[in-house]
Amino acid sequence: MADQAKTLPPDVARQVIDPHSYAEWDGLLDTFDRLRLESPVARIEPDDGKLFDPFWLVTRYEDVMRISKDNATFLNNPRPVVFSFRDAIEFSRQATGSDMLVDSLVVFDAPIHPKYRRLTQDWFMPRNLQKMEEEIRAIAHATVDRLVAAGPEVDFVKLVSGPYPLHVVMQILGVPEEDEPRMQMLTQQLFGGQDKDLSGTGLDQMTPEQVVQLVAGAVRTFEDYFAKLAEDRRANPTDDVASVIANAMVDGAPLPARDMAGYYIIVATAGHDTTSASTAGAMMALAQDPEQWARVKADRSLLPGIVEEAIRWTTPVQHFMRTAAEDVELGGQQIKKGDWLMINYVAANHDPAQFENPRKFDAARSPNRHLAFGAGAHQCLGLHLARMEMKILFETLLDRIECIELAGEPKRATSTFVGGLKTLPVRFVAS
């Protein structure tokens, strides 16, 4: 029998949806630890009933995994797949006719989703990615060359973890190198619009309306850019992902313009920003633990464990939303058809029922069945690429850096959706 629904107090509700909470990591984890024990599936409602629609917060690993794998009961459509205020949803409807500013792989359900995913899935499988290994290794070497030249004290995010995965994914998309800074800024506005440093506004407390207008502007610029790229790839196809998308046929017809733009945008943005966050998280953990750096420098077989743990420990994609397709019981609560749910990956990846001492960075953690890439039909398309990029970069760093330590306080992004370190000051000695 389902328990009586518990609505969280306003201060806890605000913490869950406030982007500043995600910059204060330990306090947020404390809250999730308490909620997991007291009310693992809890109702969140706005103070005044106007700011946002009520939703269920899901914090337990087993519940988040269940939702992630059951794509028939828990839908990505028709409601927003990322937490949104009502003003933002209304703005999106007026601007695009959809509740989402971007229609991409992330928001589609079956039968559309598997058809679209198949278009590029083979491209991102390990067998095909092996063809890119030497090119990625060359990018890693050039990145570490710049690091060594700029040392001994640098911001690792600005110099390494930001530009390295960006350059890799832009090579995959066929975007010219001179356009990469523009792609970086647009990505930061799309995912980090709530952060004054990443959005480029300098505004510490933007209203939801200001944030969504900033994001919408970034989306329009992306759409214009990729429309031109697609036109070129239709006239002059190459072997890059941009050509696959531009010339794709589904059910005998080319992709609609909006869907094609969304496909480009998700590859261009999620393809590097999340890897950047995990890479910075790995470096922070190693810089805080000189003995672990020395161990992996001597024994590279430890590297895959460091990469995997960094992805769990950092959890760059912090949540997604789902909509119940039918009445269902979850975590002792009765979820009604049409209810909105937040599956919080930060909470799930720090669930002690699944991960012993979850706040500890443990490179030997096994098994490490984290949810940072999601699960089920919507599992991250680029997970093999992310692991490969990180492994190659850290092999290169370990070859060139003798020791490394923090040179200041790292700072996390102010963001409810995609998050991670925005600054990581380090001091190192080159080999």
Protein backbone atom coordinates (compact mmCIF):
# COMPACT_ATOMS: atom_id res chain seq x y z
CA MET A 1 0.00 0.00 0.00
CA ALA A 2 1.30 3.44 -0.91
CA ASP A 3 2.31 5.85 1.83
CA GLN A 4 0.67 9.23 2.23
CA ALA A 5 2.44 11.68 -0.07
CA LYS A 6 4.96 13.87 1.72
CA THR A 7 5.45 17.43 0.46
CA LEU A 8 8.89 18.79 1.24
CA PRO A 9 9.19 22.04 3.22
CA PRO A 10 9.69 25.19 1.09
CA ASP A 11 13.34 25.64 2.16
CA VAL A 12 14.22 22.08 1.04
CA ALA A 13 12.26 22.51 -2.19
CA ARG A 14 14.15 25.71 -2.96
CA GLN A 15 17.47 23.97 -2.35
CA VAL A 16 16.64 21.25 -4.88
CA ILE A 17 15.80 23.74 -7.67
CA ASP A 18 18.22 26.55 -6.76
CA PRO A 19 21.29 26.49 -9.03
CA HIS A 20 23.39 28.00 -6.25
CA SER A 21 22.81 24.84 -4.16
CA TYR A 22 24.71 22.80 -6.76
CA ALA A 23 27.70 25.07 -6.35
CA GLU A 24 27.67 24.29 -2.60
CA TRP A 25 28.15 20.57 -3.14
CA ASP A 26 28.53 19.18 0.38
CA GLY A 27 25.44 20.92 1.72
CA LEU A 28 23.39 19.57 -1.18
CA LEU A 29 24.69 16.03 -0.58
CA ASP A 30 23.76 16.36 3.10
CA THR A 31 20.19 17.20 2.05
CA PHE A 32 19.99 14.26 -0.34
CA ASP A 33 21.33 11.91 2.34
CA ARG A 34 18.53 12.97 4.67
CA LEU A 35 15.82 12.77 2.00
CA ARG A 36 16.92 9.31 0.89
CA LEU A 37 16.32 8.04 4.41
CA GLU A 38 13.17 10.00 5.26
CA SER A 39 11.33 10.40 1.95
CA PRO A 40 13.15 8.93 -1.06
CA VAL A 41 10.22 9.84 -3.34
CA ALA A 42 8.88 13.20 -2.18
CA ARG A 43 6.55 15.86 -3.52
CA ILE A 44 7.89 19.31 -4.34
CA GLU A 45 5.39 22.13 -4.76
CA PRO A 46 5.95 25.86 -5.37
CA ASP A 47 5.41 28.31 -2.51
CA ASP A 48 2.78 30.27 -4.40
CA GLY A 49 1.67 27.72 -6.98
CA LYS A 50 2.82 29.92 -9.86
CA LEU A 51 6.56 29.54 -10.36
CA PHE A 52 6.68 25.91 -11.48
CA ASP A 53 4.53 22.81 -11.73
CA PRO A 54 4.68 20.36 -8.79
CA PHE A 55 6.92 17.33 -9.27
CA TRP A 56 8.24 14.26 -7.47
CA LEU A 57 11.89 14.26 -6.40
CA VAL A 58 13.49 10.79 -6.68
CA THR A 59 16.77 10.38 -4.75
CA ARG A 60 17.38 6.64 -4.29
CA TYR A 61 19.65 4.79 -6.73
CA GLU A 62 17.29 1.83 -7.20
CA ASP A 63 14.34 4.11 -8.02
CA VAL A 64 16.34 6.26 -10.44
CA MET A 65 17.62 3.11 -12.16
CA ARG A 66 14.08 1.72 -12.43
CA ILE A 67 12.76 4.91 -14.01
CA SER A 68 15.75 5.15 -16.37
CA LYS A 69 15.18 1.63 -17.70
CA ASP A 70 11.38 1.79 -17.95
CA ASN A 71 10.93 4.10 -20.93
CA ALA A 72 7.34 2.97 -21.51
CA THR A 73 6.08 4.03 -18.07
CA PHE A 74 8.30 7.09 -17.62
CA LEU A 75 8.34 9.33 -20.69
CA ASN A 76 10.71 12.05 -21.85
CA ASN A 77 7.77 13.77 -23.53
CA PRO A 78 5.38 15.58 -23.42
CA ARG A 79 6.59 17.69 -20.49
CA PRO A 80 10.06 19.28 -20.33
CA VAL A 81 12.90 16.84 -19.81
CA VAL A 82 14.87 19.40 -17.79
CA PHE A 83 13.39 21.25 -14.80
CA SER A 84 11.79 24.45 -16.08
CA PHE A 85 9.85 27.33 -14.57
CA ARG A 86 6.41 28.03 -16.00
CA ASP A 87 7.57 31.31 -17.58
CA ALA A 88 10.34 29.43 -19.40
CA ILE A 89 7.93 26.81 -20.71
CA GLU A 90 5.51 29.46 -21.93
CA PHE A 91 8.34 31.37 -23.62
CA SER A 92 9.43 28.18 -25.36
CA ARG A 93 5.89 27.45 -26.57
CA GLN A 94 5.58 30.93 -28.05
CA ALA A 95 9.04 30.79 -29.62
CA THR A 96 9.04 27.22 -30.96
CA GLY A 97 5.59 25.70 -30.51
CA SER A 98 7.16 23.14 -28.15
CA ASP A 99 7.66 22.96 -24.37
CA MET A 100 11.38 22.50 -25.12
CA LEU A 101 13.63 25.08 -26.76
CA VAL A 102 15.59 22.23 -28.37
CA ASP A 103 14.05 19.03 -29.76
CA SER A 104 16.83 16.44 -29.65
CA LEU A 105 17.53 12.79 -28.90
CA VAL A 106 17.16 13.65 -25.23
CA VAL A 107 13.48 14.59 -25.48
CA PHE A 108 12.13 11.96 -27.89
CA ASP A 109 10.40 8.72 -26.92
CA ALA A 110 9.83 5.58 -28.99
CA PRO A 111 9.22 5.08 -31.85
CA ILE A 112 11.07 8.26 -32.92
CA HIS A 113 13.94 8.00 -30.46
CA PRO A 114 15.40 4.62 -31.53
CA LYS A 115 15.17 5.59 -35.22
CA TYR A 116 17.09 8.82 -34.61
CA ARG A 117 19.61 7.20 -32.27
CA ARG A 118 20.47 4.52 -34.84
CA LEU A 119 21.60 7.22 -37.29
CA THR A 120 24.82 7.88 -35.37
CA GLN A 121 25.06 5.01 -32.88
CA ASP A 122 27.57 3.00 -34.93
CA TRP A 123 29.71 6.09 -35.32
CA PHE A 124 30.14 6.34 -31.54
CA MET A 125 30.87 2.65 -30.90
CA PRO A 126 34.42 1.63 -29.83
CA ARG A 127 35.26 -0.07 -33.14
CA ASN A 128 34.72 3.14 -35.09
CA LEU A 129 36.24 5.39 -32.43
CA GLN A 130 39.49 3.43 -32.64
CA LYS A 131 40.05 5.12 -36.01
CA MET A 132 40.22 8.43 -34.15
CA GLU A 133 42.56 7.34 -31.39
CA GLU A 134 45.73 8.80 -32.88
CA GLU A 135 44.00 12.06 -33.74
CA ILE A 136 42.67 12.36 -30.19
CA ARG A 137 46.11 11.51 -28.82
CA ALA A 138 47.62 14.30 -30.91
CA ILE A 139 45.04 16.74 -29.49
CA ALA A 140 45.90 15.55 -25.97
CA HIS A 141 49.64 16.08 -26.57
CA ALA A 142 49.07 19.59 -27.92
CA THR A 143 46.87 20.39 -24.92
CA VAL A 144 49.47 19.18 -22.42
CA ASP A 145 52.20 21.08 -24.31
CA ARG A 146 50.22 24.27 -23.68
CA LEU A 147 49.76 23.33 -20.03
CA VAL A 148 53.48 22.76 -19.48
CA ALA A 149 54.37 25.98 -21.29
CA ALA A 150 51.93 27.98 -19.16
CA GLY A 151 52.95 26.41 -15.82
CA PRO A 152 53.75 25.91 -13.09
CA GLU A 153 50.45 27.48 -11.87
CA VAL A 154 47.33 27.43 -14.05
CA ASP A 155 43.55 27.10 -14.10
CA PHE A 156 43.15 23.52 -15.29
CA VAL A 157 39.59 24.10 -16.47
CA LYS A 158 40.47 27.06 -18.65
CA LEU A 159 43.62 25.54 -20.12
CA VAL A 160 42.92 21.80 -20.30
CA SER A 161 39.58 20.30 -19.30
CA GLY A 162 37.55 22.94 -21.15
CA PRO A 163 39.31 23.19 -24.54
CA TYR A 164 40.45 19.56 -24.93
CA PRO A 165 37.07 17.76 -25.23
CA LEU A 166 35.68 20.75 -27.10
CA HIS A 167 38.35 20.39 -29.79
CA VAL A 168 37.76 16.63 -30.01
CA VAL A 169 34.01 16.89 -30.54
CA MET A 170 34.33 19.79 -32.99
CA GLN A 171 36.73 17.68 -35.05
CA ILE A 172 34.11 14.94 -35.03
CA LEU A 173 31.46 17.41 -36.19
CA GLY A 174 33.74 19.04 -38.74
CA VAL A 175 33.53 22.50 -37.14
CA PRO A 176 36.54 24.68 -38.06
CA GLU A 177 38.95 25.33 -35.19
CA GLU A 178 38.47 29.10 -35.46
CA ASP A 179 34.78 28.63 -34.53
CA GLU A 180 35.52 26.67 -31.34
CA PRO A 181 35.54 29.66 -28.94
CA ARG A 182 32.10 30.60 -30.24
CA MET A 183 30.86 27.04 -29.70
CA GLN A 184 32.27 27.10 -26.16
CA MET A 185 30.49 30.33 -25.26
CA LEU A 186 27.18 29.14 -26.71
CA THR A 187 27.46 25.87 -24.78
CA GLN A 188 28.13 27.77 -21.56
CA GLN A 189 25.09 29.93 -22.18
CA LEU A 190 22.96 26.87 -22.95
CA PHE A 191 24.02 24.76 -19.95
CA GLY A 192 25.47 27.38 -17.59
CA GLY A 193 23.06 30.23 -18.20
CA GLN A 194 22.34 30.37 -14.47
CA ASP A 195 26.02 31.10 -13.70
CA LYS A 196 27.18 34.71 -14.04
CA ASP A 197 30.70 33.65 -15.07
CA LEU A 198 29.68 31.02 -17.62
CA SER A 199 26.79 32.97 -19.13
CA GLY A 200 29.00 35.97 -19.81
CA THR A 201 26.45 38.34 -18.27
CA GLY A 202 28.14 39.05 -14.95
CA LEU A 203 24.66 38.90 -13.38
CA ASP A 204 24.61 36.90 -10.16
CA GLN A 205 20.83 36.62 -9.80
CA MET A 206 19.17 36.50 -13.20
CA THR A 207 15.42 35.99 -13.26
CA PRO A 208 14.12 32.78 -14.87
CA GLU A 209 12.90 34.93 -17.77
CA GLN A 210 16.39 36.43 -18.29
CA VAL A 211 17.97 32.99 -18.20
CA VAL A 212 15.56 31.51 -20.74
CA GLN A 213 16.00 34.48 -23.08
CA LEU A 214 19.78 34.02 -22.90
CA VAL A 215 19.42 30.29 -23.59
CA ALA A 216 16.96 30.92 -26.44
CA GLY A 217 19.43 33.31 -28.05
CA ALA A 218 22.16 30.67 -27.85
CA VAL A 219 19.81 28.08 -29.40
CA ARG A 220 18.97 30.40 -32.32
CA THR A 221 22.65 31.06 -32.97
CA PHE A 222 23.39 27.32 -32.87
CA GLU A 223 20.50 26.62 -35.26
CA ASP A 224 21.70 29.24 -37.78
CA TYR A 225 25.26 27.94 -37.62
CA PHE A 226 24.36 24.28 -38.08
CA ALA A 227 21.86 25.00 -40.85
CA LYS A 228 24.78 26.35 -42.90
CA LEU A 229 26.99 23.42 -41.90
CA ALA A 230 24.28 20.92 -42.92
CA GLU A 231 23.82 22.66 -46.27
CA ASP A 232 27.55 22.36 -46.91
CA ARG A 233 27.63 18.67 -45.89
CA ARG A 234 24.75 17.85 -48.21
CA ALA A 235 26.65 19.44 -51.10
CA ASN A 236 30.08 18.15 -49.97
CA PRO A 237 29.66 15.11 -47.70
CA THR A 238 32.66 13.84 -45.73
CA ASP A 239 33.08 11.05 -43.18
CA ASP A 240 32.24 13.22 -40.13
CA VAL A 241 29.13 13.09 -37.95
CA ALA A 242 27.89 16.35 -39.43
CA SER A 243 27.56 14.61 -42.81
CA VAL A 244 25.71 11.65 -41.28
CA ILE A 245 23.13 13.98 -39.72
CA ALA A 246 22.82 16.26 -42.76
CA ASN A 247 22.11 13.37 -45.12
CA ALA A 248 20.11 11.16 -42.75
CA MET A 249 16.83 9.62 -43.88
CA VAL A 250 14.17 8.34 -41.46
CA ASP A 251 11.12 6.55 -42.81
CA GLY A 252 12.14 7.63 -46.30
CA ALA A 253 12.35 11.33 -45.52
CA PRO A 254 15.12 13.71 -44.39
CA LEU A 255 15.07 14.93 -40.81
CA PRO A 256 12.82 17.96 -40.18
CA ALA A 257 14.89 21.14 -39.84
CA ARG A 258 14.16 21.55 -36.12
CA ASP A 259 15.04 17.92 -35.34
CA MET A 260 18.24 18.18 -37.38
CA ALA A 261 19.25 21.34 -35.53
CA GLY A 262 18.53 19.62 -32.21
CA TYR A 263 20.69 16.65 -33.21
CA TYR A 264 23.63 18.92 -34.01
CA ILE A 265 23.16 20.90 -30.80
CA ILE A 266 23.08 17.86 -28.51
CA VAL A 267 26.24 16.40 -30.08
CA ALA A 268 28.03 19.75 -30.08
CA THR A 269 27.22 20.65 -26.48
CA ALA A 270 26.72 17.49 -24.42
CA GLY A 271 29.59 15.98 -26.40
CA HIS A 272 32.18 18.12 -24.63
CA ASP A 273 30.75 19.95 -21.60
CA THR A 274 30.08 16.79 -19.61
CA THR A 275 33.51 15.31 -20.40
CA SER A 276 35.08 18.61 -19.39
CA ALA A 277 33.38 18.37 -15.99
CA SER A 278 34.46 14.76 -15.40
CA THR A 279 38.04 15.52 -16.47
CA ALA A 280 38.27 18.44 -14.06
CA GLY A 281 36.77 16.29 -11.29
CA ALA A 282 39.39 13.59 -11.84
CA MET A 283 42.20 16.13 -11.72
CA MET A 284 40.85 17.74 -8.53
CA ALA A 285 40.70 14.34 -6.81
CA LEU A 286 44.25 13.48 -7.89
CA ALA A 287 45.61 16.92 -6.97
CA GLN A 288 44.15 16.45 -3.49
CA ASP A 289 45.79 13.03 -3.13
CA PRO A 290 49.50 13.04 -4.13
CA GLU A 291 49.86 9.37 -3.19
CA GLN A 292 47.12 8.36 -5.63
CA TRP A 293 48.80 10.43 -8.38
CA ALA A 294 52.08 8.61 -7.70
CA ARG A 295 50.36 5.21 -7.73
CA VAL A 296 48.65 5.71 -11.07
CA LYS A 297 51.80 7.24 -12.53
CA ALA A 298 53.60 3.99 -11.66
CA ASP A 299 50.70 1.69 -12.58
CA ARG A 300 48.58 2.78 -15.53
CA SER A 301 46.22 -0.17 -15.08
CA LEU A 302 44.57 1.99 -12.40
CA LEU A 303 43.58 4.63 -14.96
CA PRO A 304 40.23 3.15 -16.12
CA GLY A 305 39.11 3.05 -12.49
CA ILE A 306 40.05 6.69 -12.02
CA VAL A 307 38.13 7.68 -15.15
CA GLU A 308 35.00 5.78 -14.10
CA GLU A 309 35.08 7.05 -10.54
CA ALA A 310 35.55 10.63 -11.72
CA ILE A 311 32.42 10.35 -13.84
CA ARG A 312 30.40 9.04 -10.87
CA TRP A 313 31.92 11.42 -8.31
CA THR A 314 31.36 14.47 -10.53
CA THR A 315 27.98 13.50 -12.08
CA PRO A 316 28.01 16.24 -14.77
CA VAL A 317 24.35 15.72 -15.82
CA GLN A 318 22.71 16.39 -12.47
CA HIS A 319 19.09 15.54 -13.27
CA PHE A 320 16.50 14.76 -15.89
CA MET A 321 12.72 14.98 -15.69
CA ARG A 322 10.27 12.24 -16.67
CA THR A 323 6.47 12.13 -17.03
CA ALA A 324 4.41 9.16 -15.83
CA ALA A 325 2.51 7.52 -18.69
CA GLU A 326 0.22 5.68 -16.27
CA ASP A 327 -0.54 5.37 -12.57
CA VAL A 328 2.36 3.63 -10.84
CA GLU A 329 3.72 3.05 -7.34
CA LEU A 330 7.30 4.17 -6.74
CA GLY A 331 9.20 4.22 -3.48
CA GLY A 332 5.98 3.76 -1.52
CA GLN A 333 4.28 6.71 -3.25
CA GLN A 334 1.36 6.64 -5.67
CA ILE A 335 2.40 8.43 -8.85
CA LYS A 336 -0.51 9.52 -11.06
CA LYS A 337 -0.58 9.48 -14.85
CA GLY A 338 0.77 12.82 -16.07
CA ASP A 339 2.84 13.50 -12.92
CA TRP A 340 6.28 15.07 -13.42
CA LEU A 341 9.32 13.47 -11.77
CA MET A 342 12.93 14.61 -11.23
CA ILE A 343 15.42 11.76 -11.31
CA ASN A 344 18.37 13.27 -9.48
CA TYR A 345 21.59 11.61 -10.59
CA VAL A 346 23.67 13.47 -7.99
CA ALA A 347 21.60 11.88 -5.23
CA ALA A 348 21.56 8.44 -6.90
CA ASN A 349 25.32 8.41 -7.48
CA HIS A 350 25.90 9.22 -3.80
CA ASP A 351 23.52 6.59 -2.43
CA PRO A 352 25.39 4.58 0.25
CA ALA A 353 23.12 1.60 -0.42
CA GLN A 354 24.87 1.32 -3.80
CA PHE A 355 28.26 2.98 -3.19
CA GLU A 356 30.20 2.46 0.04
CA ASN A 357 31.45 5.78 1.42
CA PRO A 358 30.10 7.57 -1.70
CA ARG A 359 31.75 10.95 -1.09
CA LYS A 360 35.20 9.37 -1.18
CA PHE A 361 36.95 9.32 -4.54
CA ASP A 362 37.89 5.64 -4.78
CA ALA A 363 39.66 4.64 -7.98
CA ALA A 364 39.47 0.97 -6.95
CA ARG A 365 35.67 1.09 -6.52
CA SER A 366 34.21 -2.12 -7.93
CA PRO A 367 31.60 -2.56 -9.07
CA ASN A 368 30.97 1.03 -10.09
CA ARG A 369 27.58 0.85 -11.78
CA HIS A 370 26.94 4.57 -11.61
CA LEU A 371 24.15 6.47 -13.35
CA ALA A 372 26.16 9.40 -14.68
CA PHE A 373 25.55 8.18 -18.24
CA GLY A 374 21.93 7.30 -17.52
CA ALA A 375 20.61 3.83 -18.30
CA GLY A 376 18.23 2.11 -20.66
CA ALA A 377 17.28 3.44 -24.09
CA HIS A 378 18.49 6.95 -23.28
CA GLN A 379 21.93 5.98 -22.01
CA CYS A 380 24.49 8.54 -23.18
CA LEU A 381 25.36 8.04 -26.86
CA GLY A 382 28.92 9.32 -26.33
CA LEU A 383 29.93 7.32 -23.27
CA HIS A 384 32.66 5.36 -25.10
CA LEU A 385 34.09 8.57 -26.54
CA ALA A 386 34.13 10.24 -23.10
CA ARG A 387 36.00 7.34 -21.51
CA MET A 388 38.48 7.19 -24.38
CA GLU A 389 39.17 10.94 -24.30
CA MET A 390 39.76 10.97 -20.56
CA LYS A 391 42.01 7.91 -20.62
CA ILE A 392 44.17 9.31 -23.42
CA LEU A 393 44.45 12.74 -21.78
CA PHE A 394 45.48 11.33 -18.40
CA GLU A 395 48.01 8.98 -20.00
CA THR A 396 49.56 12.07 -21.55
CA LEU A 397 49.40 14.08 -18.32
CA LEU A 398 50.96 11.28 -16.30
CA ASP A 399 53.83 11.09 -18.80
CA ARG A 400 54.53 14.83 -18.58
CA ILE A 401 53.63 15.87 -15.02
CA GLU A 402 55.72 14.67 -12.08
CA CYS A 403 53.44 15.93 -9.31
CA ILE A 404 50.46 18.26 -8.98
CA GLU A 405 48.56 19.99 -6.17
CA LEU A 406 45.78 22.50 -5.68
CA ALA A 407 46.86 26.14 -5.87
CA GLY A 408 43.59 27.63 -4.63
CA GLU A 409 39.96 26.82 -4.03
CA PRO A 410 38.13 25.07 -6.89
CA LYS A 411 34.70 26.51 -7.70
CA ARG A 412 31.66 24.69 -9.05
CA ALA A 413 29.21 26.05 -11.60
CA THR A 414 25.89 27.50 -10.50
CA SER A 415 23.60 25.20 -12.44
CA THR A 416 20.79 22.73 -11.75
CA PHE A 417 21.24 20.77 -14.99
CA VAL A 418 24.80 20.28 -16.27
CA GLY A 419 27.38 21.10 -13.62
CA GLY A 420 30.96 20.66 -12.53
CA LEU A 421 34.03 22.72 -11.78
CA LYS A 422 34.28 26.11 -13.48
CA THR A 423 37.73 26.85 -12.01
CA LEU A 424 40.48 24.50 -10.80
CA PRO A 425 43.70 26.29 -9.83
CA VAL A 426 46.62 23.84 -9.76
CA ARG A 427 50.39 23.96 -9.32
CA PHE A 428 52.55 21.26 -10.91
CA VAL A 429 56.09 20.12 -11.60
CA ALA A 430 56.71 18.92 -15.16
CA SER A 431 58.64 15.68 -15.70
